[in-house]
């Protein structure tokens, strides 16, 4: 829901296909970060020199909690 469905619409075909392809490449293991997440983290830290780390959350509440810690 949220911004993804607002910007692209519900079940946008290209998003659905990207999800299918990602799951085929590496089986999802929920407690562990996906290799793509690690690549994006590294790119973010390189693009923002003051960033010591990056973290991803599933909703605004999670991210705000992490930022406050």
PDB file of N, CA and C in Angstrom:
ATOM      1  N   UNK A   1       0.848  -1.165   0.000  1.00  0.00           N
ATOM      2  CA  UNK A   1       0.000   0.000   0.000  1.00  0.00           C
ATOM      3  C   UNK A   1       0.901   1.239   0.000  1.00  0.00           C
ATOM      4  N   UNK A   2       0.501   2.279   0.609  1.00  0.00           N
ATOM      5  CA  UNK A   2       1.289   3.503   0.746  1.00  0.00           C
ATOM      6  C   UNK A   2       1.747   4.073  -0.593  1.00  0.00           C
ATOM      7  N   UNK A   3       2.986   4.594  -0.642  1.00  0.00           N
ATOM      8  CA  UNK A   3       3.451   5.331  -1.825  1.00  0.00           C
ATOM      9  C   UNK A   3       3.556   4.467  -3.064  1.00  0.00           C
ATOM     10  N   UNK A   4       3.942   3.213  -2.935  1.00  0.00           N
ATOM     11  CA  UNK A   4       4.080   2.359  -4.117  1.00  0.00           C
ATOM     12  C   UNK A   4       2.790   2.242  -4.893  1.00  0.00           C
ATOM     13  N   UNK A   5       1.703   1.979  -4.214  1.00  0.00           N
ATOM     14  CA  UNK A   5       0.429   1.836  -4.922  1.00  0.00           C
ATOM     15  C   UNK A   5      -0.104   3.188  -5.391  1.00  0.00           C
ATOM     16  N   UNK A   6       0.231   4.244  -4.692  1.00  0.00           N
ATOM     17  CA  UNK A   6      -0.214   5.570  -5.125  1.00  0.00           C
ATOM     18  C   UNK A   6       0.504   5.962  -6.412  1.00  0.00           C
ATOM     19  N   UNK A   7       1.798   5.686  -6.481  1.00  0.00           N
ATOM     20  CA  UNK A   7       2.577   6.078  -7.655  1.00  0.00           C
ATOM     21  C   UNK A   7       2.362   5.152  -8.845  1.00  0.00           C
ATOM     22  N   UNK A   8       2.261   3.859  -8.591  1.00  0.00           N
ATOM     23  CA  UNK A   8       2.230   2.895  -9.684  1.00  0.00           C
ATOM     24  C   UNK A   8       0.881   2.216  -9.879  1.00  0.00           C
ATOM     25  N   UNK A   9       0.012   2.292  -8.897  1.00  0.00           N
ATOM     26  CA  UNK A   9      -1.248   1.558  -8.986  1.00  0.00           C
ATOM     27  C   UNK A   9      -1.093   0.182  -8.366  1.00  0.00           C
ATOM     28  N   UNK A  10      -2.182  -0.438  -8.056  1.00  0.00           N
ATOM     29  CA  UNK A  10      -2.157  -1.745  -7.396  1.00  0.00           C
ATOM     30  C   UNK A  10      -1.675  -2.831  -8.362  1.00  0.00           C
ATOM     31  N   UNK A  11      -0.738  -3.650  -7.918  1.00  0.00           N
ATOM     32  CA  UNK A  11      -0.219  -4.795  -8.683  1.00  0.00           C
ATOM     33  C   UNK A  11       0.290  -4.368 -10.061  1.00  0.00           C
ATOM     34  N   UNK A  12       1.089  -3.314 -10.098  1.00  0.00           N
ATOM     35  CA  UNK A  12       1.667  -2.846 -11.361  1.00  0.00           C
ATOM     36  C   UNK A  12       2.496  -3.982 -11.967  1.00  0.00           C
ATOM     37  N   UNK A  13       2.280  -4.245 -13.236  1.00  0.00           N
ATOM     38  CA  UNK A  13       2.891  -5.406 -13.899  1.00  0.00           C
ATOM     39  C   UNK A  13       4.416  -5.423 -13.801  1.00  0.00           C
ATOM     40  N   UNK A  14       5.074  -4.295 -14.024  1.00  0.00           N
ATOM     41  CA  UNK A  14       6.542  -4.293 -13.986  1.00  0.00           C
ATOM     42  C   UNK A  14       7.066  -4.554 -12.564  1.00  0.00           C
ATOM     43  N   UNK A  15       6.338  -4.080 -11.559  1.00  0.00           N
ATOM     44  CA  UNK A  15       6.743  -4.340 -10.170  1.00  0.00           C
ATOM     45  C   UNK A  15       6.547  -5.813  -9.841  1.00  0.00           C
ATOM     46  N   UNK A  16       5.424  -6.369 -10.240  1.00  0.00           N
ATOM     47  CA  UNK A  16       5.152  -7.786  -9.999  1.00  0.00           C
ATOM     48  C   UNK A  16       6.223  -8.659 -10.660  1.00  0.00           C
ATOM     49  N   UNK A  17       6.592  -8.333 -11.891  1.00  0.00           N
ATOM     50  CA  UNK A  17       7.606  -9.108 -12.601  1.00  0.00           C
ATOM     51  C   UNK A  17       8.962  -8.987 -11.924  1.00  0.00           C
ATOM     52  N   UNK A  18       9.313  -7.795 -11.457  1.00  0.00           N
ATOM     53  CA  UNK A  18      10.591  -7.602 -10.764  1.00  0.00           C
ATOM     54  C   UNK A  18      10.644  -8.427  -9.485  1.00  0.00           C
ATOM     55  N   UNK A  19       9.534  -8.511  -8.766  1.00  0.00           N
ATOM     56  CA  UNK A  19       9.475  -9.316  -7.538  1.00  0.00           C
ATOM     57  C   UNK A  19       9.665 -10.791  -7.866  1.00  0.00           C
ATOM     58  N   UNK A  20       8.980 -11.257  -8.888  1.00  0.00           N
ATOM     59  CA  UNK A  20       9.099 -12.663  -9.290  1.00  0.00           C
ATOM     60  C   UNK A  20      10.542 -12.995  -9.653  1.00  0.00           C
ATOM     61  N   UNK A  21      11.177 -12.133 -10.442  1.00  0.00           N
ATOM     62  CA  UNK A  21      12.558 -12.374 -10.842  1.00  0.00           C
ATOM     63  C   UNK A  21      13.511 -12.365  -9.643  1.00  0.00           C
ATOM     64  N   UNK A  22      13.299 -11.455  -8.708  1.00  0.00           N
ATOM     65  CA  UNK A  22      14.159 -11.378  -7.526  1.00  0.00           C
ATOM     66  C   UNK A  22      14.028 -12.629  -6.671  1.00  0.00           C
ATOM     67  N   UNK A  23      12.819 -13.133  -6.519  1.00  0.00           N
ATOM     68  CA  UNK A  23      12.607 -14.339  -5.714  1.00  0.00           C
ATOM     69  C   UNK A  23      13.228 -15.553  -6.411  1.00  0.00           C
ATOM     70  N   UNK A  24      13.186 -15.595  -7.722  1.00  0.00           N
ATOM     71  CA  UNK A  24      13.791 -16.705  -8.472  1.00  0.00           C
ATOM     72  C   UNK A  24      15.305 -16.723  -8.308  1.00  0.00           C
ATOM     73  N   UNK A  25      15.927 -15.542  -8.262  1.00  0.00           N
ATOM     74  CA  UNK A  25      17.386 -15.459  -8.202  1.00  0.00           C
ATOM     75  C   UNK A  25      17.935 -15.907  -6.853  1.00  0.00           C
ATOM     76  N   UNK A  26      17.348 -15.450  -5.786  1.00  0.00           N
ATOM     77  CA  UNK A  26      17.779 -15.838  -4.443  1.00  0.00           C
ATOM     78  C   UNK A  26      16.538 -16.056  -3.612  1.00  0.00           C
ATOM     79  N   UNK A  27      16.455 -17.211  -3.002  1.00  0.00           N
ATOM     80  CA  UNK A  27      15.270 -17.475  -2.194  1.00  0.00           C
ATOM     81  C   UNK A  27      15.257 -16.527  -0.998  1.00  0.00           C
ATOM     82  N   UNK A  28      14.101 -15.966  -0.690  1.00  0.00           N
ATOM     83  CA  UNK A  28      14.038 -14.997   0.409  1.00  0.00           C
ATOM     84  C   UNK A  28      14.188 -15.681   1.768  1.00  0.00           C
ATOM     85  N   UNK A  29      15.112 -15.180   2.554  1.00  0.00           N
ATOM     86  CA  UNK A  29      15.273 -15.631   3.934  1.00  0.00           C
ATOM     87  C   UNK A  29      15.015 -14.400   4.793  1.00  0.00           C
ATOM     88  N   UNK A  30      13.831 -14.273   5.312  1.00  0.00           N
ATOM     89  CA  UNK A  30      13.377 -13.040   5.935  1.00  0.00           C
ATOM     90  C   UNK A  30      14.274 -12.478   7.035  1.00  0.00           C
ATOM     91  N   UNK A  31      14.873 -13.281   7.911  1.00  0.00           N
ATOM     92  CA  UNK A  31      15.670 -12.647   8.969  1.00  0.00           C
ATOM     93  C   UNK A  31      16.998 -12.068   8.476  1.00  0.00           C
ATOM     94  N   UNK A  32      17.384 -12.387   7.251  1.00  0.00           N
ATOM     95  CA  UNK A  32      18.679 -11.949   6.755  1.00  0.00           C
ATOM     96  C   UNK A  32      18.511 -10.909   5.643  1.00  0.00           C
ATOM     97  N   UNK A  33      19.436  -9.959   5.549  1.00  0.00           N
ATOM     98  CA  UNK A  33      19.331  -8.957   4.482  1.00  0.00           C
ATOM     99  C   UNK A  33      19.592  -9.585   3.111  1.00  0.00           C
ATOM    100  N   UNK A  34      18.891  -9.103   2.122  1.00  0.00           N
ATOM    101  CA  UNK A  34      19.090  -9.544   0.744  1.00  0.00           C
ATOM    102  C   UNK A  34      20.389  -8.940   0.226  1.00  0.00           C
ATOM    103  N   UNK A  35      21.131  -9.645  -0.618  1.00  0.00           N
ATOM    104  CA  UNK A  35      22.375  -9.083  -1.161  1.00  0.00           C
ATOM    105  C   UNK A  35      22.175  -7.721  -1.831  1.00  0.00           C
ATOM    106  N   UNK A  36      21.040  -7.512  -2.469  1.00  0.00           N
ATOM    107  CA  UNK A  36      20.759  -6.220  -3.091  1.00  0.00           C
ATOM    108  C   UNK A  36      20.679  -5.111  -2.041  1.00  0.00           C
ATOM    109  N   UNK A  37      20.146  -5.431  -0.866  1.00  0.00           N
ATOM    110  CA  UNK A  37      20.084  -4.443   0.219  1.00  0.00           C
ATOM    111  C   UNK A  37      21.486  -4.010   0.631  1.00  0.00           C
ATOM    112  N   UNK A  38      22.407  -4.947   0.661  1.00  0.00           N
ATOM    113  CA  UNK A  38      23.782  -4.620   1.014  1.00  0.00           C
ATOM    114  C   UNK A  38      24.428  -3.726  -0.052  1.00  0.00           C
ATOM    115  N   UNK A  39      24.126  -4.004  -1.330  1.00  0.00           N
ATOM    116  CA  UNK A  39      24.655  -3.176  -2.413  1.00  0.00           C
ATOM    117  C   UNK A  39      24.123  -1.744  -2.322  1.00  0.00           C
ATOM    118  N   UNK A  40      22.825  -1.608  -2.075  1.00  0.00           N
ATOM    119  CA  UNK A  40      22.217  -0.278  -1.969  1.00  0.00           C
ATOM    120  C   UNK A  40      22.768   0.461  -0.761  1.00  0.00           C
ATOM    121  N   UNK A  41      22.961  -0.247   0.355  1.00  0.00           N
ATOM    122  CA  UNK A  41      23.536   0.361   1.552  1.00  0.00           C
ATOM    123  C   UNK A  41      24.923   0.928   1.249  1.00  0.00           C
ATOM    124  N   UNK A  42      25.731   0.142   0.579  1.00  0.00           N
ATOM    125  CA  UNK A  42      27.085   0.603   0.237  1.00  0.00           C
ATOM    126  C   UNK A  42      27.024   1.823  -0.676  1.00  0.00           C
ATOM    127  N   UNK A  43      26.132   1.797  -1.657  1.00  0.00           N
ATOM    128  CA  UNK A  43      25.994   2.933  -2.572  1.00  0.00           C
ATOM    129  C   UNK A  43      25.558   4.185  -1.830  1.00  0.00           C
ATOM    130  N   UNK A  44      24.614   4.044  -0.896  1.00  0.00           N
ATOM    131  CA  UNK A  44      24.148   5.195  -0.127  1.00  0.00           C
ATOM    132  C   UNK A  44      25.270   5.785   0.716  1.00  0.00           C
ATOM    133  N   UNK A  45      26.035   4.920   1.362  1.00  0.00           N
ATOM    134  CA  UNK A  45      27.126   5.406   2.210  1.00  0.00           C
ATOM    135  C   UNK A  45      28.228   6.069   1.381  1.00  0.00           C
ATOM    136  N   UNK A  46      28.422   5.608   0.149  1.00  0.00           N
ATOM    137  CA  UNK A  46      29.399   6.253  -0.725  1.00  0.00           C
ATOM    138  C   UNK A  46      28.882   7.610  -1.218  1.00  0.00           C
ATOM    139  N   UNK A  47      27.585   7.689  -1.495  1.00  0.00           N
ATOM    140  CA  UNK A  47      27.005   8.942  -2.003  1.00  0.00           C
ATOM    141  C   UNK A  47      26.860  10.007  -0.914  1.00  0.00           C
ATOM    142  N   UNK A  48      26.729   9.571   0.331  1.00  0.00           N
ATOM    143  CA  UNK A  48      26.585  10.494   1.458  1.00  0.00           C
ATOM    144  C   UNK A  48      27.736  10.238   2.428  1.00  0.00           C
ATOM    145  N   UNK A  49      28.855  10.937   2.246  1.00  0.00           N
ATOM    146  CA  UNK A  49      30.059  10.680   3.037  1.00  0.00           C
ATOM    147  C   UNK A  49      29.853  10.746   4.549  1.00  0.00           C
ATOM    148  N   UNK A  50      28.893  11.534   5.012  1.00  0.00           N
ATOM    149  CA  UNK A  50      28.674  11.626   6.454  1.00  0.00           C
ATOM    150  C   UNK A  50      27.896  10.429   6.997  1.00  0.00           C
ATOM    151  N   UNK A  51      27.343   9.604   6.117  1.00  0.00           N
ATOM    152  CA  UNK A  51      26.574   8.436   6.567  1.00  0.00           C
ATOM    153  C   UNK A  51      27.523   7.314   6.965  1.00  0.00           C
ATOM    154  N   UNK A  52      27.384   6.854   8.185  1.00  0.00           N
ATOM    155  CA  UNK A  52      28.192   5.733   8.651  1.00  0.00           C
ATOM    156  C   UNK A  52      27.513   4.404   8.381  1.00  0.00           C
ATOM    157  N   UNK A  53      26.192   4.449   8.240  1.00  0.00           N
ATOM    158  CA  UNK A  53      25.439   3.231   7.952  1.00  0.00           C
ATOM    159  C   UNK A  53      24.087   3.622   7.371  1.00  0.00           C
ATOM    160  N   UNK A  54      23.420   2.639   6.816  1.00  0.00           N
ATOM    161  CA  UNK A  54      22.055   2.823   6.314  1.00  0.00           C
ATOM    162  C   UNK A  54      21.236   1.631   6.771  1.00  0.00           C
ATOM    163  N   UNK A  55      19.974   1.860   7.025  1.00  0.00           N
ATOM    164  CA  UNK A  55      19.101   0.775   7.453  1.00  0.00           C
ATOM    165  C   UNK A  55      17.757   0.941   6.759  1.00  0.00           C
ATOM    166  N   UNK A  56      17.097  -0.147   6.504  1.00  0.00           N
ATOM    167  CA  UNK A  56      15.825  -0.138   5.813  1.00  0.00           C
ATOM    168  C   UNK A  56      14.733  -0.620   6.759  1.00  0.00           C
ATOM    169  N   UNK A  57      13.560  -0.039   6.641  1.00  0.00           N
ATOM    170  CA  UNK A  57      12.431  -0.446   7.473  1.00  0.00           C
ATOM    171  C   UNK A  57      11.212  -0.677   6.612  1.00  0.00           C
ATOM    172  N   UNK A  58      10.245  -1.375   7.167  1.00  0.00           N
ATOM    173  CA  UNK A  58       9.050  -1.684   6.374  1.00  0.00           C
ATOM    174  C   UNK A  58       7.974  -0.622   6.510  1.00  0.00           C
ATOM    175  N   UNK A  59       8.122   0.286   7.496  1.00  0.00           N
ATOM    176  CA  UNK A  59       7.128   1.351   7.635  1.00  0.00           C
ATOM    177  C   UNK A  59       7.750   2.526   8.376  1.00  0.00           C
ATOM    178  N   UNK A  60       7.037   3.632   8.389  1.00  0.00           N
ATOM    179  CA  UNK A  60       7.541   4.842   9.027  1.00  0.00           C
ATOM    180  C   UNK A  60       7.780   4.694  10.514  1.00  0.00           C
ATOM    181  N   UNK A  61       6.940   3.920  11.173  1.00  0.00           N
ATOM    182  CA  UNK A  61       7.091   3.715  12.613  1.00  0.00           C
ATOM    183  C   UNK A  61       8.419   3.023  12.930  1.00  0.00           C
ATOM    184  N   UNK A  62       8.749   1.991  12.175  1.00  0.00           N
ATOM    185  CA  UNK A  62      10.020   1.283  12.382  1.00  0.00           C
ATOM    186  C   UNK A  62      11.196   2.231  12.191  1.00  0.00           C
ATOM    187  N   UNK A  63      11.162   3.006  11.127  1.00  0.00           N
ATOM    188  CA  UNK A  63      12.272   3.896  10.811  1.00  0.00           C
ATOM    189  C   UNK A  63      12.430   4.979  11.867  1.00  0.00           C
ATOM    190  N   UNK A  64      11.317   5.545  12.330  1.00  0.00           N
ATOM    191  CA  UNK A  64      11.395   6.565  13.383  1.00  0.00           C
ATOM    192  C   UNK A  64      11.947   5.992  14.680  1.00  0.00           C
ATOM    193  N   UNK A  65      11.556   4.774  15.018  1.00  0.00           N
ATOM    194  CA  UNK A  65      12.079   4.116  16.218  1.00  0.00           C
ATOM    195  C   UNK A  65      13.578   3.925  16.102  1.00  0.00           C
ATOM    196  N   UNK A  66      14.039   3.460  14.946  1.00  0.00           N
ATOM    197  CA  UNK A  66      15.477   3.264  14.743  1.00  0.00           C
ATOM    198  C   UNK A  66      16.240   4.574  14.785  1.00  0.00           C
ATOM    199  N   UNK A  67      15.665   5.632  14.234  1.00  0.00           N
ATOM    200  CA  UNK A  67      16.335   6.933  14.223  1.00  0.00           C
ATOM    201  C   UNK A  67      16.468   7.499  15.633  1.00  0.00           C
ATOM    202  N   UNK A  68      15.524   7.187  16.503  1.00  0.00           N
ATOM    203  CA  UNK A  68      15.535   7.711  17.857  1.00  0.00           C
ATOM    204  C   UNK A  68      16.497   6.951  18.763  1.00  0.00           C
ATOM    205  N   UNK A  69      16.882   5.772  18.373  1.00  0.00           N
ATOM    206  CA  UNK A  69      17.772   4.946  19.228  1.00  0.00           C
ATOM    207  C   UNK A  69      19.184   5.395  19.185  1.00  0.00           C
TER     208      UNK A  69
END
